[in-house]
C-alpha cells in the first residue's frame, strides 16, 4: 500500500511539517467539525487488483466492518440496525445525533455532574452509557429504529432506489450489471450518490460521490471520485470497500478484476490524527492479502457476510483515532 503512504507524505510535505506538530506553525484549513485539517486538492491512486487485495497493512483494519457496510449499501438499506446486527458501529454517531437533538430525548444536564468540558471523563462515561441505550433500542424497538436509526436517503437508497420525477425510482446498480453484460464498452457505467435534491435529507452528504466502471480485455476496472476524504480513518476503508465492490460486480458479470482507481477532491488529515499518521509511516509493509468470494453467487443481492472472506491478512497493530463528526 505504498500508494496510500505516498498520499500521506504528500499532504505532510505540503503542510511543511518537519519535526513539529504545532498547529500555529502549519497552514490549517477550517472544517465543519471545528477540528482543523491539512490537505491537498485533487489526488489519484491506482491499485492493480491482480496484485492482491488493497487492505492496509501498516495498521490493522477490521475487514468485517468494511464488508458489512458495503453489503448494507448493496441491500439498499439506510437504517443502522443491519450494521449493529453485524457489530458495525461506524455510522452510529450520525444516527445518535438525530436522537439527541430530537424532542424525544430526555437531555442530561451536565452541570448536575459538575461537568464543564466534553473531555471530562465523567462526560465520556455518560456519553457511552447513552450511546449503549440508543443502540439497544435500535436493535429491539422497531418504531424507535424506524424513527432514529434511519439516516435518510444515503448511499443504499441512491444506489438501489434513486428517486426521480413523480416518485418513480431507478435501480442504478441493477442497470449497471445488465449494461456490463450486454454493452461492456459503454461509457455510461456510472453509479452516482450525489442526488442534489435529496442531500438536505441525508444525515451526512455522500463523500464518495460517483463511480465509473470500465471493461477491457475481460477485466473490470472501477474509478471512484470522492469529494472529501479523511486520510487516516476514512480513505483506507474506502479503498478496500470499492475494491470489494469491483470484485463483486466482476464476479456477477463473469469478468476478472482490473484496476481500482481512487480520485479524491479534498484529501485531508485532521489535526488530531497527525501523530497517528506519523507513527503509521514508520511501519514496514506486509504482502497484500487476497479476497475470496463464494464462487456460486451470481446476483449482487445474494451476497452475505459468509460469502466474503479475506485470506492471508497480516498487519501491524490497530492505531486508534477519533472520528470527527
Protein backbone atom coordinates (compact mmCIF):
# COMPACT_ATOMS: atom_id res chain seq x y z
CA UNK A 1 0.00 0.00 0.00
CA UNK A 2 2.79 2.36 -0.94
CA UNK A 3 0.18 4.44 -2.81
CA UNK A 4 -1.53 5.31 0.47
CA UNK A 5 1.72 6.19 2.21
CA UNK A 6 2.65 8.42 -0.71
CA UNK A 7 -0.62 10.30 -0.21
CA UNK A 8 0.15 10.81 3.50
CA UNK A 9 3.66 12.04 2.71
CA UNK A 10 2.35 14.42 0.04
CA UNK A 11 -0.02 16.08 2.49
CA UNK A 12 2.61 16.35 5.24
CA UNK A 13 5.12 17.79 2.79
CA UNK A 14 2.63 20.38 1.53
CA UNK A 15 1.91 21.44 5.12
CA UNK A 16 5.68 21.73 5.65
CA UNK A 17 5.59 19.53 8.70
CA UNK A 18 9.11 18.64 9.67
CA UNK A 19 9.80 17.82 13.30
CA UNK A 20 6.94 19.84 14.78
CA UNK A 21 3.22 19.30 15.21
CA UNK A 22 2.36 22.77 16.39
CA UNK A 23 -0.85 24.00 14.76
CA UNK A 24 0.37 27.61 14.72
CA UNK A 25 3.33 26.61 12.55
CA UNK A 26 1.29 24.99 9.75
CA UNK A 27 -1.36 26.14 7.31
CA UNK A 28 -4.66 24.86 8.67
CA UNK A 29 -7.98 24.67 6.84
CA UNK A 30 -11.12 25.14 8.88
CA UNK A 31 -13.81 22.48 8.63
CA UNK A 32 -17.40 21.89 9.76
CA UNK A 33 -16.27 19.77 12.75
CA UNK A 34 -14.07 22.52 14.20
CA UNK A 35 -11.09 20.13 14.34
CA UNK A 36 -8.97 21.64 11.57
CA UNK A 37 -7.21 19.85 8.72
CA UNK A 38 -4.24 19.91 6.39
CA UNK A 39 -4.69 18.54 2.90
CA UNK A 40 -4.37 18.63 -0.86
CA UNK A 41 -6.93 19.09 -3.61
CA UNK A 42 -7.04 16.60 -6.45
CA UNK A 43 -5.13 13.36 -5.81
CA UNK A 44 -5.24 9.98 -7.52
CA UNK A 45 -4.11 6.48 -6.54
CA UNK A 46 -4.16 3.37 -8.72
CA UNK A 47 -4.33 -0.22 -7.45
CA UNK A 48 -3.84 -3.29 -9.63
CA UNK A 49 -6.31 -5.74 -8.10
CA UNK A 50 -4.49 -8.63 -9.75
CA UNK A 51 -1.59 -7.99 -7.35
CA UNK A 52 -3.60 -8.50 -4.17
CA UNK A 53 -6.46 -7.01 -2.24
CA UNK A 54 -5.64 -3.40 -1.15
CA UNK A 55 -6.21 -3.74 2.58
CA UNK A 56 -3.81 -1.56 4.57
CA UNK A 57 -1.03 -3.50 6.31
CA UNK A 58 0.71 -0.69 8.25
CA UNK A 59 -2.21 -0.66 10.67
CA UNK A 60 -4.81 -3.36 11.13
CA UNK A 61 -8.26 -2.73 9.66
CA UNK A 62 -11.41 -4.62 10.57
CA UNK A 63 -12.46 -6.14 7.25
CA UNK A 64 -15.83 -7.19 8.67
CA UNK A 65 -16.72 -3.51 9.12
CA UNK A 66 -15.80 -2.80 5.51
CA UNK A 67 -17.71 -5.79 4.15
CA UNK A 68 -20.84 -5.27 6.25
CA UNK A 69 -21.03 -1.59 5.29
CA UNK A 70 -20.76 -2.42 1.59
CA UNK A 71 -23.40 -5.16 1.85
CA UNK A 72 -25.59 -2.59 3.63
CA UNK A 73 -25.22 -0.31 0.61
CA UNK A 74 -25.90 -3.18 -1.79
CA UNK A 75 -29.10 -4.06 0.08
CA UNK A 76 -30.34 -0.51 -0.45
CA UNK A 77 -30.61 -0.16 3.33
CA UNK A 78 -30.29 3.16 5.15
CA UNK A 79 -31.03 2.06 8.72
CA UNK A 80 -28.16 1.29 11.10
CA UNK A 81 -29.95 -1.74 12.57
CA UNK A 82 -28.37 -4.03 9.95
CA UNK A 83 -24.94 -2.62 10.82
CA UNK A 84 -25.48 -3.05 14.56
CA UNK A 85 -26.59 -6.64 13.98
CA UNK A 86 -23.20 -7.16 12.38
CA UNK A 87 -21.34 -5.38 15.21
CA UNK A 88 -20.61 -2.42 12.96
CA UNK A 89 -20.68 0.95 14.75
CA UNK A 90 -19.16 3.24 12.15
CA UNK A 91 -22.42 5.11 11.35
CA UNK A 92 -23.72 5.33 14.94
CA UNK A 93 -22.65 8.90 15.62
CA UNK A 94 -24.91 10.42 12.98
CA UNK A 95 -27.98 8.43 13.97
CA UNK A 96 -27.33 9.08 17.66
CA UNK A 97 -27.08 12.80 16.92
CA UNK A 98 -30.57 12.68 15.36
CA UNK A 99 -31.97 11.20 18.58
CA UNK A 100 -30.12 13.54 20.94
CA UNK A 101 -31.33 16.59 19.01
CA UNK A 102 -34.96 15.39 18.95
CA UNK A 103 -37.77 16.29 21.35
CA UNK A 104 -37.93 12.64 22.42
CA UNK A 105 -34.53 12.77 24.08
CA UNK A 106 -34.51 13.45 27.81
CA UNK A 107 -31.48 15.69 27.95
CA UNK A 108 -28.98 15.20 30.75
CA UNK A 109 -27.91 18.40 32.46
CA UNK A 110 -24.14 18.00 32.60
CA UNK A 111 -23.81 20.73 35.21
CA UNK A 112 -25.55 18.40 37.65
CA UNK A 113 -22.43 16.27 37.44
CA UNK A 114 -20.02 19.18 37.65
CA UNK A 115 -19.04 18.71 34.01
CA UNK A 116 -17.56 21.69 32.18
CA UNK A 117 -15.95 20.01 29.17
CA UNK A 118 -16.55 17.13 26.75
CA UNK A 119 -13.06 15.94 27.66
CA UNK A 120 -14.17 15.32 31.23
CA UNK A 121 -14.01 11.54 32.00
CA UNK A 122 -17.49 11.70 33.55
CA UNK A 123 -18.87 13.17 30.31
CA UNK A 124 -17.27 10.37 28.31
CA UNK A 125 -18.78 7.76 30.63
CA UNK A 126 -22.25 9.30 30.39
CA UNK A 127 -21.92 9.54 26.63
CA UNK A 128 -21.05 5.85 26.35
CA UNK A 129 -23.98 4.91 28.56
CA UNK A 130 -26.38 6.94 26.42
CA UNK A 131 -24.94 5.52 23.21
CA UNK A 132 -25.38 1.96 24.51
CA UNK A 133 -29.01 2.70 25.40
CA UNK A 134 -29.54 4.11 21.91
CA UNK A 135 -28.00 1.08 20.18
CA UNK A 136 -30.04 -1.37 22.23
CA UNK A 137 -33.27 0.47 21.45
CA UNK A 138 -32.47 0.47 17.72
CA UNK A 139 -31.93 -3.29 17.87
CA UNK A 140 -35.02 -4.10 19.92
CA UNK A 141 -37.64 -1.43 19.21
CA UNK A 142 -38.94 -1.37 15.64
CA UNK A 143 -40.65 2.01 15.96
CA UNK A 144 -37.60 3.60 17.60
CA UNK A 145 -35.32 2.12 14.92
CA UNK A 146 -37.59 3.47 12.20
CA UNK A 147 -37.57 6.97 13.66
CA UNK A 148 -33.97 7.33 14.78
CA UNK A 149 -31.95 4.51 13.21
CA UNK A 150 -32.55 5.71 9.67
CA UNK A 151 -30.00 8.08 8.16
CA UNK A 152 -32.15 9.39 5.35
CA UNK A 153 -31.57 8.72 1.63
CA UNK A 154 -27.86 7.91 1.92
CA UNK A 155 -25.81 5.58 -0.31
CA UNK A 156 -28.01 2.48 -0.34
CA UNK A 157 -31.11 4.45 -1.25
CA UNK A 158 -29.36 6.22 -4.13
CA UNK A 159 -27.72 3.05 -5.46
CA UNK A 160 -30.80 0.88 -5.46
CA UNK A 161 -33.77 3.27 -5.46
CA UNK A 162 -32.85 6.69 -6.87
CA UNK A 163 -35.99 8.79 -6.77
CA UNK A 164 -36.85 10.68 -9.93
CA UNK A 165 -39.86 12.53 -11.22
CA UNK A 166 -43.33 11.67 -9.93
CA UNK A 167 -41.86 9.40 -7.27
CA UNK A 168 -40.52 6.85 -9.77
CA UNK A 169 -37.39 5.00 -8.63
CA UNK A 170 -34.38 3.69 -10.53
CA UNK A 171 -32.07 0.85 -9.52
CA UNK A 172 -28.69 2.14 -10.69
CA UNK A 173 -26.72 -0.92 -9.65
CA UNK A 174 -29.04 -3.40 -11.37
CA UNK A 175 -28.87 -1.32 -14.55
CA UNK A 176 -25.07 -1.23 -14.44
CA UNK A 177 -24.80 -5.01 -14.05
CA UNK A 178 -27.13 -5.60 -17.01
CA UNK A 179 -25.35 -2.97 -19.09
CA UNK A 180 -21.95 -4.54 -18.41
CA UNK A 181 -23.33 -7.90 -19.52
CA UNK A 182 -24.91 -6.54 -22.68
CA UNK A 183 -22.84 -3.47 -23.57
CA UNK A 184 -19.47 -3.71 -21.82
CA UNK A 185 -17.89 -0.93 -23.93
CA UNK A 186 -20.39 1.63 -22.64
CA UNK A 187 -19.01 4.89 -21.34
CA UNK A 188 -22.10 5.37 -19.18
CA UNK A 189 -21.44 2.77 -16.49
CA UNK A 190 -21.98 5.35 -13.77
CA UNK A 191 -23.09 4.83 -10.17
CA UNK A 192 -24.00 8.18 -8.61
CA UNK A 193 -24.67 9.01 -4.95
CA UNK A 194 -24.83 12.80 -5.25
CA UNK A 195 -28.57 13.35 -5.56
CA UNK A 196 -28.70 17.12 -5.12
CA UNK A 197 -32.39 17.36 -4.30
CA UNK A 198 -32.10 14.74 -1.53
CA UNK A 199 -28.90 15.93 0.18
CA UNK A 200 -30.76 18.07 2.77
CA UNK A 201 -32.50 14.91 4.00
CA UNK A 202 -29.28 12.89 4.45
CA UNK A 203 -27.59 12.65 7.84
CA UNK A 204 -24.29 13.01 6.01
CA UNK A 205 -23.92 14.07 2.36
CA UNK A 206 -22.06 11.39 0.38
CA UNK A 207 -18.28 11.69 0.44
CA UNK A 208 -17.72 9.02 -2.21
CA UNK A 209 -19.97 10.56 -4.82
CA UNK A 210 -19.53 8.82 -8.17
CA UNK A 211 -18.24 5.53 -9.51
CA UNK A 212 -17.47 4.61 -13.11
CA UNK A 213 -16.84 1.07 -14.34
CA UNK A 214 -14.72 0.18 -17.36
CA UNK A 215 -14.30 -3.16 -19.18
CA UNK A 216 -11.21 -4.08 -21.18
CA UNK A 217 -9.66 -7.45 -22.07
CA UNK A 218 -12.20 -9.30 -19.94
CA UNK A 219 -11.32 -7.26 -16.84
CA UNK A 220 -13.48 -4.86 -14.87
CA UNK A 221 -11.92 -1.67 -13.53
CA UNK A 222 -13.54 0.88 -11.27
CA UNK A 223 -12.82 4.54 -10.66
CA UNK A 224 -14.21 6.32 -7.60
CA UNK A 225 -14.48 10.08 -7.34
CA UNK A 226 -14.52 11.06 -3.68
CA UNK A 227 -15.29 14.71 -2.96
CA UNK A 228 -13.82 14.58 0.56
CA UNK A 229 -11.60 12.02 2.25
CA UNK A 230 -10.41 11.62 5.85
CA UNK A 231 -6.98 10.18 5.13
CA UNK A 232 -6.36 8.45 8.45
CA UNK A 233 -9.76 6.88 9.17
CA UNK A 234 -11.88 7.01 6.04
CA UNK A 235 -9.73 6.55 2.97
CA UNK A 236 -8.24 3.13 3.93
CA UNK A 237 -11.84 1.88 4.34
CA UNK A 238 -12.91 3.48 1.06
CA UNK A 239 -10.06 1.84 -0.86
CA UNK A 240 -10.97 -1.61 0.45
CA UNK A 241 -14.72 -1.05 0.08
CA UNK A 242 -14.63 -0.09 -3.58
CA UNK A 243 -12.05 -2.76 -4.37
CA UNK A 244 -14.54 -5.21 -2.86
CA UNK A 245 -17.35 -3.70 -4.93
CA UNK A 246 -15.22 -4.16 -8.06
CA UNK A 247 -14.66 -7.84 -7.22
CA UNK A 248 -18.37 -8.42 -6.58
CA UNK A 249 -19.55 -6.72 -9.78
CA UNK A 250 -16.83 -8.55 -11.75
CA UNK A 251 -17.98 -11.91 -10.42
CA UNK A 252 -21.68 -11.41 -11.18
CA UNK A 253 -20.85 -10.20 -14.70
CA UNK A 254 -18.38 -13.01 -15.44
CA UNK A 255 -15.28 -10.81 -15.58
CA UNK A 256 -11.89 -10.72 -13.91
CA UNK A 257 -10.77 -7.68 -11.92
CA UNK A 258 -8.55 -4.97 -13.33
CA UNK A 259 -7.72 -1.74 -11.52
CA UNK A 260 -9.27 0.29 -8.76
CA UNK A 261 -8.58 3.98 -9.33
CA UNK A 262 -9.22 6.33 -6.42
CA UNK A 263 -9.59 10.02 -7.26
CA UNK A 264 -10.04 12.35 -4.29
CA UNK A 265 -11.08 16.00 -4.29
CA UNK A 266 -10.29 17.29 -0.80
CA UNK A 267 -7.89 14.77 0.72
CA UNK A 268 -7.19 15.81 4.29
CA UNK A 269 -5.63 14.80 7.59
CA UNK A 270 -7.40 16.01 10.72
CA UNK A 271 -5.06 17.73 13.17
CA UNK A 272 -5.92 15.19 15.86
CA UNK A 273 -4.62 12.40 13.58
CA UNK A 274 -1.16 13.82 12.84
CA UNK A 275 0.65 11.75 15.47
CA UNK A 276 -1.08 8.59 14.24
CA UNK A 277 -0.16 9.25 10.62
CA UNK A 278 3.48 9.83 11.53
CA UNK A 279 3.52 6.60 13.54
CA UNK A 280 1.96 4.67 10.69
CA UNK A 281 4.56 5.92 8.23
CA UNK A 282 7.28 4.25 10.32
CA UNK A 283 5.80 0.80 9.73
CA UNK A 284 7.06 -1.66 7.14
CA UNK A 285 4.72 -3.10 4.50
CA UNK A 286 3.46 -6.68 4.59
CA UNK A 287 2.35 -8.57 1.47
CA UNK A 288 -1.23 -7.82 0.47
CA UNK A 289 -3.92 -10.37 1.35
CA UNK A 290 -6.30 -11.94 -1.15
CA UNK A 291 -10.08 -11.86 -1.37
CA UNK A 292 -12.20 -14.98 -1.55
CA UNK A 293 -15.82 -14.73 -2.70
CA UNK A 294 -18.34 -17.55 -2.78
CA UNK A 295 -18.00 -18.54 -6.47
CA UNK A 296 -21.61 -19.72 -6.69
CA UNK A 297 -23.11 -16.27 -6.08
CA UNK A 298 -24.30 -14.69 -9.33
CA UNK A 299 -26.62 -11.95 -8.04
CA UNK A 300 -25.46 -8.95 -6.03
CA UNK A 301 -28.49 -9.25 -3.73
CA UNK A 302 -27.45 -12.77 -2.68
CA UNK A 303 -24.11 -11.92 -1.07
CA UNK A 304 -23.96 -12.31 2.72
CA UNK A 305 -21.13 -11.87 5.18
CA UNK A 306 -20.33 -15.58 4.98
CA UNK A 307 -19.75 -15.24 1.21
CA UNK A 308 -16.94 -12.69 1.61
CA UNK A 309 -13.60 -13.64 3.15
CA UNK A 310 -10.16 -12.07 3.35
CA UNK A 311 -7.24 -14.54 3.25
CA UNK A 312 -3.66 -14.11 4.46
CA UNK A 313 -4.07 -10.72 6.10
CA UNK A 314 -1.01 -9.70 8.11
CA UNK A 315 -0.87 -6.18 9.52
CA UNK A 316 0.69 -4.06 12.23
CA UNK A 317 -1.49 -3.34 15.29
CA UNK A 318 -4.53 -1.09 15.00
CA UNK A 319 -3.91 2.62 15.62
CA UNK A 320 -6.77 4.46 17.30
CA UNK A 321 -8.11 7.79 16.10
CA UNK A 322 -11.25 9.74 16.94
CA UNK A 323 -13.80 10.33 14.20
CA UNK A 324 -14.70 13.97 13.59
CA UNK A 325 -18.50 14.38 13.43
